[in-house]
Amino acid sequence: ATPPRTKDSPTRVLTDHKGGIRSLVFVEDLWQGVLFSGSADRSIKMWDLSEPHLSITCVHSLYGHGGTILALEYGSHMLLSSSSDGTLCIWKDQSPTKLLRFPVYSVRQKIVPEVKTGLQNARQPKDTWFLSLAIREGEVPSIFAGDSEGYIHIYKPDSLAEGDLYMLVWKRQIHSL
């Protein structure tokens, strides 16, 4: 058994990521505390924080982006992530049974910012990134995403789609660069 950590214990280094950490989100109601970390190595790691004085273990690695993870958010039983590849991923627990200690996440939907069309110098989707994410929980959850062009996007569940897919319902520029 590992002895409990004290204030004099050496600093612990978690070495599972191969690039710098860009985003963190702590979820207290998953197991007994889970931390998600997003990195420049294009991965998201799920860390077991149930007994951090004994160990902090990476329990899952999530891959679905082609660029640095920029933002993470958790709510309404879903994980959101955004990346420098221009996508926002909605991750859902795909465990066949909910008996596993930790949920098994996979990408349920990928969203890219809607780009102005018909403009001569319009940026391509991967040049516009979602930099901040938030979830409004409730009977009908909403996803809020701020992008690198100064727009706020609001997504809500698509009542006509099969499953839990989200659609853009509102987009406004709040500042220009």
C-alpha atoms as a PDB file:
ATOM      1  CA  ALA A   1       0.000   0.000   0.000  1.00  0.00           C
ATOM      2  CA  THR A   2       1.156   3.509  -0.816  1.00  0.00           C
ATOM      3  CA  PRO A   3       1.699   5.716   2.244  1.00  0.00           C
ATOM      4  CA  PRO A   4      -0.577   8.776   2.450  1.00  0.00           C
ATOM      5  CA  ARG A   5       0.831  12.028   1.059  1.00  0.00           C
ATOM      6  CA  THR A   6       1.899  14.768   3.422  1.00  0.00           C
ATOM      7  CA  LYS A   7       2.831  18.402   2.842  1.00  0.00           C
ATOM      8  CA  ASP A   8       6.480  17.261   2.739  1.00  0.00           C
ATOM      9  CA  SER A   9       5.857  14.591   0.074  1.00  0.00           C
ATOM     10  CA  PRO A  10       7.572  15.233  -3.267  1.00  0.00           C
ATOM     11  CA  THR A  11       5.487  16.794  -6.024  1.00  0.00           C
ATOM     12  CA  ARG A  12       3.698  14.233  -8.139  1.00  0.00           C
ATOM     13  CA  VAL A  13       3.961  14.554 -11.915  1.00  0.00           C
ATOM     14  CA  LEU A  14       1.283  13.007 -14.111  1.00  0.00           C
ATOM     15  CA  THR A  15       3.025  12.004 -17.322  1.00  0.00           C
ATOM     16  CA  ASP A  16       0.260  10.534 -19.494  1.00  0.00           C
ATOM     17  CA  HIS A  17      -0.073  13.574 -21.789  1.00  0.00           C
ATOM     18  CA  LYS A  18       2.641  14.166 -24.404  1.00  0.00           C
ATOM     19  CA  GLY A  19       1.927  17.894 -24.722  1.00  0.00           C
ATOM     20  CA  GLY A  20       1.035  20.877 -22.570  1.00  0.00           C
ATOM     21  CA  ILE A  21      -2.288  20.954 -20.721  1.00  0.00           C
ATOM     22  CA  ARG A  22      -4.603  23.619 -22.141  1.00  0.00           C
ATOM     23  CA  SER A  23      -7.886  22.942 -20.318  1.00  0.00           C
ATOM     24  CA  LEU A  24      -9.250  21.234 -17.190  1.00  0.00           C
ATOM     25  CA  VAL A  25     -12.717  20.481 -15.862  1.00  0.00           C
ATOM     26  CA  PHE A  26     -13.508  18.761 -12.544  1.00  0.00           C
ATOM     27  CA  VAL A  27     -16.700  16.689 -12.257  1.00  0.00           C
ATOM     28  CA  GLU A  28     -17.571  15.879  -8.665  1.00  0.00           C
ATOM     29  CA  ASP A  29     -20.665  13.776  -9.408  1.00  0.00           C
ATOM     30  CA  LEU A  30     -18.844  11.224 -11.595  1.00  0.00           C
ATOM     31  CA  TRP A  31     -17.717   8.398  -9.356  1.00  0.00           C
ATOM     32  CA  GLN A  32     -16.071  10.213  -6.422  1.00  0.00           C
ATOM     33  CA  GLY A  33     -14.458  12.940  -8.471  1.00  0.00           C
ATOM     34  CA  VAL A  34     -13.088  12.895 -11.994  1.00  0.00           C
ATOM     35  CA  LEU A  35     -10.826  15.408 -13.705  1.00  0.00           C
ATOM     36  CA  PHE A  36     -10.763  15.796 -17.486  1.00  0.00           C
ATOM     37  CA  SER A  37      -7.631  17.348 -18.994  1.00  0.00           C
ATOM     38  CA  GLY A  38      -7.228  18.554 -22.576  1.00  0.00           C
ATOM     39  CA  SER A  39      -3.799  18.831 -24.141  1.00  0.00           C
ATOM     40  CA  ALA A  40      -1.737  19.995 -27.091  1.00  0.00           C
ATOM     41  CA  ASP A  41      -1.250  16.278 -27.842  1.00  0.00           C
ATOM     42  CA  ARG A  42      -4.863  16.245 -29.223  1.00  0.00           C
ATOM     43  CA  SER A  43      -6.150  14.010 -26.422  1.00  0.00           C
ATOM     44  CA  ILE A  44      -8.442  14.276 -23.427  1.00  0.00           C
ATOM     45  CA  LYS A  45      -7.587  12.258 -20.322  1.00  0.00           C
ATOM     46  CA  MET A  46     -10.004  11.221 -17.573  1.00  0.00           C
ATOM     47  CA  TRP A  47      -8.350  11.057 -14.120  1.00  0.00           C
ATOM     48  CA  ASP A  48      -9.677   9.204 -11.064  1.00  0.00           C
ATOM     49  CA  LEU A  49      -9.591  11.599  -8.114  1.00  0.00           C
ATOM     50  CA  SER A  50     -11.479   9.378  -5.658  1.00  0.00           C
ATOM     51  CA  GLU A  51      -8.370   8.991  -3.472  1.00  0.00           C
ATOM     52  CA  PRO A  52      -5.892  11.672  -4.592  1.00  0.00           C
ATOM     53  CA  HIS A  53      -3.836  11.313  -1.405  1.00  0.00           C
ATOM     54  CA  LEU A  54      -2.986   7.762  -2.563  1.00  0.00           C
ATOM     55  CA  SER A  55      -2.907   7.996  -6.349  1.00  0.00           C
ATOM     56  CA  ILE A  56      -4.221   9.824  -9.379  1.00  0.00           C
ATOM     57  CA  THR A  57      -4.742   7.395 -12.227  1.00  0.00           C
ATOM     58  CA  CYS A  58      -5.610   8.043 -15.864  1.00  0.00           C
ATOM     59  CA  VAL A  59      -8.640   5.801 -16.433  1.00  0.00           C
ATOM     60  CA  HIS A  60      -9.524   6.758 -20.027  1.00  0.00           C
ATOM     61  CA  SER A  61      -7.963   8.528 -22.984  1.00  0.00           C
ATOM     62  CA  LEU A  62     -10.313  10.166 -25.467  1.00  0.00           C
ATOM     63  CA  TYR A  63      -9.312  10.827 -29.071  1.00  0.00           C
ATOM     64  CA  GLY A  64     -11.487  12.668 -31.574  1.00  0.00           C
ATOM     65  CA  HIS A  65      -9.751  15.932 -32.409  1.00  0.00           C
ATOM     66  CA  GLY A  66      -7.049  16.749 -34.925  1.00  0.00           C
ATOM     67  CA  GLY A  67      -5.629  19.711 -33.016  1.00  0.00           C
ATOM     68  CA  THR A  68      -4.832  21.087 -29.572  1.00  0.00           C
ATOM     69  CA  ILE A  69      -7.707  20.813 -27.093  1.00  0.00           C
ATOM     70  CA  LEU A  70      -8.680  24.410 -26.246  1.00  0.00           C
ATOM     71  CA  ALA A  71     -11.697  24.128 -23.924  1.00  0.00           C
ATOM     72  CA  LEU A  72     -13.603  21.525 -21.898  1.00  0.00           C
ATOM     73  CA  GLU A  73     -16.987  21.645 -20.170  1.00  0.00           C
ATOM     74  CA  TYR A  74     -19.192  19.043 -18.495  1.00  0.00           C
ATOM     75  CA  GLY A  75     -22.931  19.049 -17.788  1.00  0.00           C
ATOM     76  CA  SER A  76     -26.205  17.294 -18.619  1.00  0.00           C
ATOM     77  CA  HIS A  77     -24.325  13.964 -18.765  1.00  0.00           C
ATOM     78  CA  MET A  78     -22.118  15.092 -21.643  1.00  0.00           C
ATOM     79  CA  LEU A  79     -18.565  16.298 -22.082  1.00  0.00           C
ATOM     80  CA  LEU A  80     -17.864  19.133 -24.516  1.00  0.00           C
ATOM     81  CA  SER A  81     -14.462  19.768 -26.049  1.00  0.00           C
ATOM     82  CA  SER A  82     -13.155  22.217 -28.614  1.00  0.00           C
ATOM     83  CA  SER A  83      -9.945  22.130 -30.564  1.00  0.00           C
ATOM     84  CA  SER A  84      -7.698  24.077 -32.908  1.00  0.00           C
ATOM     85  CA  ASP A  85      -8.984  21.756 -35.654  1.00  0.00           C
ATOM     86  CA  GLY A  86     -12.120  23.969 -35.568  1.00  0.00           C
ATOM     87  CA  THR A  87     -14.492  21.392 -34.090  1.00  0.00           C
ATOM     88  CA  LEU A  88     -16.638  21.188 -31.006  1.00  0.00           C
ATOM     89  CA  CYS A  89     -17.180  17.568 -29.949  1.00  0.00           C
ATOM     90  CA  ILE A  90     -20.110  16.380 -27.875  1.00  0.00           C
ATOM     91  CA  TRP A  91     -19.065  13.246 -25.978  1.00  0.00           C
ATOM     92  CA  LYS A  92     -21.650  10.901 -24.459  1.00  0.00           C
ATOM     93  CA  ASP A  93     -21.353   7.815 -22.293  1.00  0.00           C
ATOM     94  CA  GLN A  94     -21.671   4.893 -24.697  1.00  0.00           C
ATOM     95  CA  SER A  95     -21.383   2.138 -22.076  1.00  0.00           C
ATOM     96  CA  PRO A  96     -23.808  -0.672 -22.951  1.00  0.00           C
ATOM     97  CA  THR A  97     -24.628  -0.901 -19.244  1.00  0.00           C
ATOM     98  CA  LYS A  98     -24.165   1.737 -16.610  1.00  0.00           C
ATOM     99  CA  LEU A  99     -22.455  -0.792 -14.309  1.00  0.00           C
ATOM    100  CA  LEU A 100     -18.914   0.285 -15.140  1.00  0.00           C
ATOM    101  CA  ARG A 101     -17.031   2.306 -12.543  1.00  0.00           C
ATOM    102  CA  PHE A 102     -16.203   5.012 -15.083  1.00  0.00           C
ATOM    103  CA  PRO A 103     -18.265   5.993 -18.126  1.00  0.00           C
ATOM    104  CA  VAL A 104     -16.939   5.161 -21.589  1.00  0.00           C
ATOM    105  CA  TYR A 105     -17.194   8.281 -23.728  1.00  0.00           C
ATOM    106  CA  SER A 106     -17.276   8.520 -27.491  1.00  0.00           C
ATOM    107  CA  VAL A 107     -18.010  11.392 -29.863  1.00  0.00           C
ATOM    108  CA  ARG A 108     -21.764  11.675 -30.422  1.00  0.00           C
ATOM    109  CA  GLN A 109     -21.593  14.791 -32.627  1.00  0.00           C
ATOM    110  CA  LYS A 110     -19.004  17.123 -34.175  1.00  0.00           C
ATOM    111  CA  ILE A 111     -19.910  20.752 -34.792  1.00  0.00           C
ATOM    112  CA  VAL A 112     -17.950  23.369 -36.743  1.00  0.00           C
ATOM    113  CA  PRO A 113     -18.607  27.117 -36.579  1.00  0.00           C
ATOM    114  CA  GLU A 114     -20.813  28.270 -39.422  1.00  0.00           C
ATOM    115  CA  VAL A 115     -18.652  30.480 -41.605  1.00  0.00           C
ATOM    116  CA  LYS A 116     -19.814  33.418 -43.694  1.00  0.00           C
ATOM    117  CA  THR A 117     -20.145  32.298 -47.302  1.00  0.00           C
ATOM    118  CA  GLY A 118     -19.761  34.291 -50.469  1.00  0.00           C
ATOM    119  CA  LEU A 119     -17.114  36.553 -49.009  1.00  0.00           C
ATOM    120  CA  GLN A 120     -13.794  36.813 -50.789  1.00  0.00           C
ATOM    121  CA  ASN A 121     -11.659  36.487 -47.654  1.00  0.00           C
ATOM    122  CA  ALA A 122     -13.942  34.187 -45.649  1.00  0.00           C
ATOM    123  CA  ARG A 123     -12.050  31.958 -43.260  1.00  0.00           C
ATOM    124  CA  GLN A 124     -12.316  28.218 -43.515  1.00  0.00           C
ATOM    125  CA  PRO A 125     -13.925  26.381 -40.545  1.00  0.00           C
ATOM    126  CA  LYS A 126     -10.601  25.183 -39.098  1.00  0.00           C
ATOM    127  CA  ASP A 127      -9.410  28.814 -38.969  1.00  0.00           C
ATOM    128  CA  THR A 128     -12.297  29.680 -36.638  1.00  0.00           C
ATOM    129  CA  TRP A 129     -12.085  27.993 -33.259  1.00  0.00           C
ATOM    130  CA  PHE A 130     -14.451  27.646 -30.330  1.00  0.00           C
ATOM    131  CA  LEU A 131     -12.447  29.129 -27.441  1.00  0.00           C
ATOM    132  CA  SER A 132     -14.961  28.911 -24.600  1.00  0.00           C
ATOM    133  CA  LEU A 133     -17.804  26.527 -23.794  1.00  0.00           C
ATOM    134  CA  ALA A 134     -20.680  26.476 -21.315  1.00  0.00           C
ATOM    135  CA  ILE A 135     -23.715  24.279 -20.698  1.00  0.00           C
ATOM    136  CA  ARG A 136     -27.030  25.485 -19.338  1.00  0.00           C
ATOM    137  CA  GLU A 137     -28.639  22.488 -17.727  1.00  0.00           C
ATOM    138  CA  GLY A 138     -32.360  21.946 -17.515  1.00  0.00           C
ATOM    139  CA  GLU A 139     -35.203  20.145 -19.217  1.00  0.00           C
ATOM    140  CA  VAL A 140     -33.805  21.314 -22.559  1.00  0.00           C
ATOM    141  CA  PRO A 141     -30.021  21.768 -22.190  1.00  0.00           C
ATOM    142  CA  SER A 142     -28.306  24.515 -24.160  1.00  0.00           C
ATOM    143  CA  ILE A 143     -24.699  24.657 -25.340  1.00  0.00           C
ATOM    144  CA  PHE A 144     -23.021  28.071 -25.545  1.00  0.00           C
ATOM    145  CA  ALA A 145     -19.793  28.461 -27.521  1.00  0.00           C
ATOM    146  CA  GLY A 146     -17.676  31.554 -28.088  1.00  0.00           C
ATOM    147  CA  ASP A 147     -15.484  31.545 -31.187  1.00  0.00           C
ATOM    148  CA  SER A 148     -12.265  33.205 -32.285  1.00  0.00           C
ATOM    149  CA  GLU A 149     -14.158  35.592 -34.609  1.00  0.00           C
ATOM    150  CA  GLY A 150     -16.129  37.176 -31.747  1.00  0.00           C
ATOM    151  CA  TYR A 151     -19.388  35.241 -32.163  1.00  0.00           C
ATOM    152  CA  ILE A 152     -21.517  33.497 -29.551  1.00  0.00           C
ATOM    153  CA  HIS A 153     -23.261  30.335 -30.791  1.00  0.00           C
ATOM    154  CA  ILE A 154     -26.177  28.690 -28.980  1.00  0.00           C
ATOM    155  CA  TYR A 155     -27.073  25.070 -29.734  1.00  0.00           C
ATOM    156  CA  LYS A 156     -30.167  23.197 -28.565  1.00  0.00           C
ATOM    157  CA  PRO A 157     -31.382  19.636 -29.125  1.00  0.00           C
ATOM    158  CA  ASP A 158     -32.903  19.141 -32.583  1.00  0.00           C
ATOM    159  CA  SER A 159     -36.440  17.882 -31.956  1.00  0.00           C
ATOM    160  CA  LEU A 160     -36.617  16.448 -35.488  1.00  0.00           C
ATOM    161  CA  ALA A 161     -33.342  14.506 -35.327  1.00  0.00           C
ATOM    162  CA  GLU A 162     -32.991  10.930 -34.188  1.00  0.00           C
ATOM    163  CA  GLY A 163     -31.127  10.805 -30.877  1.00  0.00           C
ATOM    164  CA  ASP A 164     -29.502  13.668 -28.982  1.00  0.00           C
ATOM    165  CA  LEU A 165     -28.199  15.860 -31.807  1.00  0.00           C
ATOM    166  CA  TYR A 166     -27.770  19.601 -31.349  1.00  0.00           C
ATOM    167  CA  MET A 167     -28.491  22.342 -33.867  1.00  0.00           C
ATOM    168  CA  LEU A 168     -27.548  26.009 -34.047  1.00  0.00           C
ATOM    169  CA  VAL A 169     -30.465  28.169 -32.895  1.00  0.00           C
ATOM    170  CA  TRP A 170     -28.738  31.537 -32.402  1.00  0.00           C
ATOM    171  CA  LYS A 171     -25.499  33.230 -33.473  1.00  0.00           C
ATOM    172  CA  ARG A 172     -24.482  36.840 -32.859  1.00  0.00           C
ATOM    173  CA  GLN A 173     -21.251  38.738 -33.122  1.00  0.00           C
ATOM    174  CA  ILE A 174     -20.475  40.429 -29.820  1.00  0.00           C
ATOM    175  CA  HIS A 175     -17.228  42.075 -30.940  1.00  0.00           C
ATOM    176  CA  SER A 176     -15.210  42.441 -34.119  1.00  0.00           C
ATOM    177  CA  LEU A 177     -11.502  41.955 -34.352  1.00  0.00           C
END
